[in-house]
C-alpha atoms as a PDB file:
ATOM      1  CA  MET A   1       0.000   0.000   0.000  1.00  0.00           C
ATOM      2  CA  PRO A   2       1.478   3.390  -0.945  1.00  0.00           C
ATOM      3  CA  VAL A   3       2.372   5.938   1.702  1.00  0.00           C
ATOM      4  CA  LYS A   4      -0.226   8.673   2.150  1.00  0.00           C
ATOM      5  CA  TRP A   5       1.604  12.001   2.428  1.00  0.00           C
ATOM      6  CA  MET A   6      -0.058  15.079   3.889  1.00  0.00           C
ATOM      7  CA  THR A   7       0.905  18.744   3.976  1.00  0.00           C
ATOM      8  CA  LEU A   8       1.312  20.813   7.123  1.00  0.00           C
ATOM      9  CA  LYS A   9      -2.161  22.294   6.658  1.00  0.00           C
ATOM     10  CA  GLN A  10      -3.733  18.864   6.149  1.00  0.00           C
ATOM     11  CA  ILE A  11      -1.990  17.262   9.137  1.00  0.00           C
ATOM     12  CA  ALA A  12      -2.944  20.197  11.370  1.00  0.00           C
ATOM     13  CA  ALA A  13      -6.593  19.690  10.422  1.00  0.00           C
ATOM     14  CA  HIS A  14      -6.237  15.922  10.934  1.00  0.00           C
ATOM     15  CA  LEU A  15      -4.803  16.464  14.439  1.00  0.00           C
ATOM     16  CA  GLN A  16      -7.209  19.319  15.186  1.00  0.00           C
ATOM     17  CA  ALA A  17      -4.262  21.569  16.018  1.00  0.00           C
ATOM     18  CA  SER A  18      -3.109  24.915  14.679  1.00  0.00           C
ATOM     19  CA  LYS A  19      -0.638  25.047  11.805  1.00  0.00           C
ATOM     20  CA  GLU A  20       1.663  27.066  14.068  1.00  0.00           C
ATOM     21  CA  LYS A  21       1.689  24.342  16.739  1.00  0.00           C
ATOM     22  CA  VAL A  22       2.452  21.608  14.196  1.00  0.00           C
ATOM     23  CA  TYR A  23       5.194  23.762  12.630  1.00  0.00           C
ATOM     24  CA  LYS A  24       6.847  24.232  16.037  1.00  0.00           C
ATOM     25  CA  LEU A  25       6.703  20.465  16.640  1.00  0.00           C
ATOM     26  CA  CYS A  26       8.421  19.964  13.265  1.00  0.00           C
ATOM     27  CA  GLN A  27      11.170  22.457  14.020  1.00  0.00           C
ATOM     28  CA  ARG A  28      11.869  20.758  17.351  1.00  0.00           C
ATOM     29  CA  GLY A  29      11.843  17.266  15.826  1.00  0.00           C
ATOM     30  CA  ARG A  30       8.955  16.189  18.062  1.00  0.00           C
ATOM     31  CA  ILE A  31       6.641  14.915  15.306  1.00  0.00           C
ATOM     32  CA  PRO A  32       7.585  12.528  12.482  1.00  0.00           C
ATOM     33  CA  ALA A  33       7.972  14.658   9.355  1.00  0.00           C
ATOM     34  CA  SER A  34      10.131  15.127   6.273  1.00  0.00           C
ATOM     35  CA  LYS A  35      11.180  18.458   4.835  1.00  0.00           C
ATOM     36  CA  ILE A  36      11.267  18.260   1.056  1.00  0.00           C
ATOM     37  CA  GLY A  37      11.892  21.318  -1.091  1.00  0.00           C
ATOM     38  CA  GLY A  38      11.226  23.630   1.825  1.00  0.00           C
ATOM     39  CA  ASN A  39       7.860  22.026   2.616  1.00  0.00           C
ATOM     40  CA  TRP A  40       7.022  19.761   5.546  1.00  0.00           C
ATOM     41  CA  LEU A  41       5.378  16.462   4.546  1.00  0.00           C
ATOM     42  CA  PHE A  42       3.892  13.854   6.855  1.00  0.00           C
ATOM     43  CA  ASP A  43       3.273  10.121   6.524  1.00  0.00           C
ATOM     44  CA  ILE A  44      -0.245   9.787   7.919  1.00  0.00           C
ATOM     45  CA  LYS A  45       0.389   6.341   9.431  1.00  0.00           C
ATOM     46  CA  GLU A  46       3.522   7.532  11.259  1.00  0.00           C
ATOM     47  CA  VAL A  47       1.728  10.588  12.616  1.00  0.00           C
ATOM     48  CA  ASP A  48      -1.236   8.527  13.815  1.00  0.00           C
ATOM     49  CA  ARG A  49       1.159   6.121  15.562  1.00  0.00           C
ATOM     50  CA  TRP A  50       3.004   9.082  17.124  1.00  0.00           C
ATOM     51  CA  ALA A  51      -0.285  10.687  18.267  1.00  0.00           C
ATOM     52  CA  LYS A  52      -1.355   7.494  20.051  1.00  0.00           C
ATOM     53  CA  GLN A  53       1.952   7.453  21.942  1.00  0.00           C
ATOM     54  CA  GLN A  54       1.294  11.002  23.170  1.00  0.00           C
ATOM     55  CA  ARG A  55      -1.685   9.953  25.271  1.00  0.00           C
ATOM     56  CA  PRO A  56      -1.169  10.536  28.983  1.00  0.00           C
ATOM     57  CA  ARG A  57      -0.574   7.386  30.973  1.00  0.00           C
ATOM     58  CA  LYS A  58      -3.384   6.576  33.374  1.00  0.00           C
ATOM     59  CA  LYS A  59      -2.279   6.114  36.932  1.00  0.00           C
ATOM     60  CA  TRP A  60      -3.652   2.934  38.365  1.00  0.00           C
ATOM     61  CA  THR A  61      -4.262   3.017  42.084  1.00  0.00           C
ATOM     62  CA  ARG A  62      -6.128   0.704  44.349  1.00  0.00           C
ATOM     63  CA  LYS A  63      -9.392   1.911  45.722  1.00  0.00           C
ATOM     64  CA  LYS A  64      -9.500   2.050  49.469  1.00  0.00           C
ATOM     65  CA  THR A  65     -12.170  -0.219  50.854  1.00  0.00           C
ATOM     66  CA  LYS A  66     -14.050   0.377  54.049  1.00  0.00           C
ATOM     67  CA  LYS A  67     -13.830  -2.380  56.640  1.00  0.00           C
END
């Protein structure tokens, strides 16, 4: 299956984030992206995988029971 590439504008809409936020993530190397010809391009599958890893970890604690 071919790779589905998206532009900065498209990936921002996909992530429901501002273009400025996504651009800053690119500059800092925090989001998987490729810069080709001065434009940032994104592999949709890589970004979706990355986004899932950004979820906060749920703290599991035992509930206190009354005796």
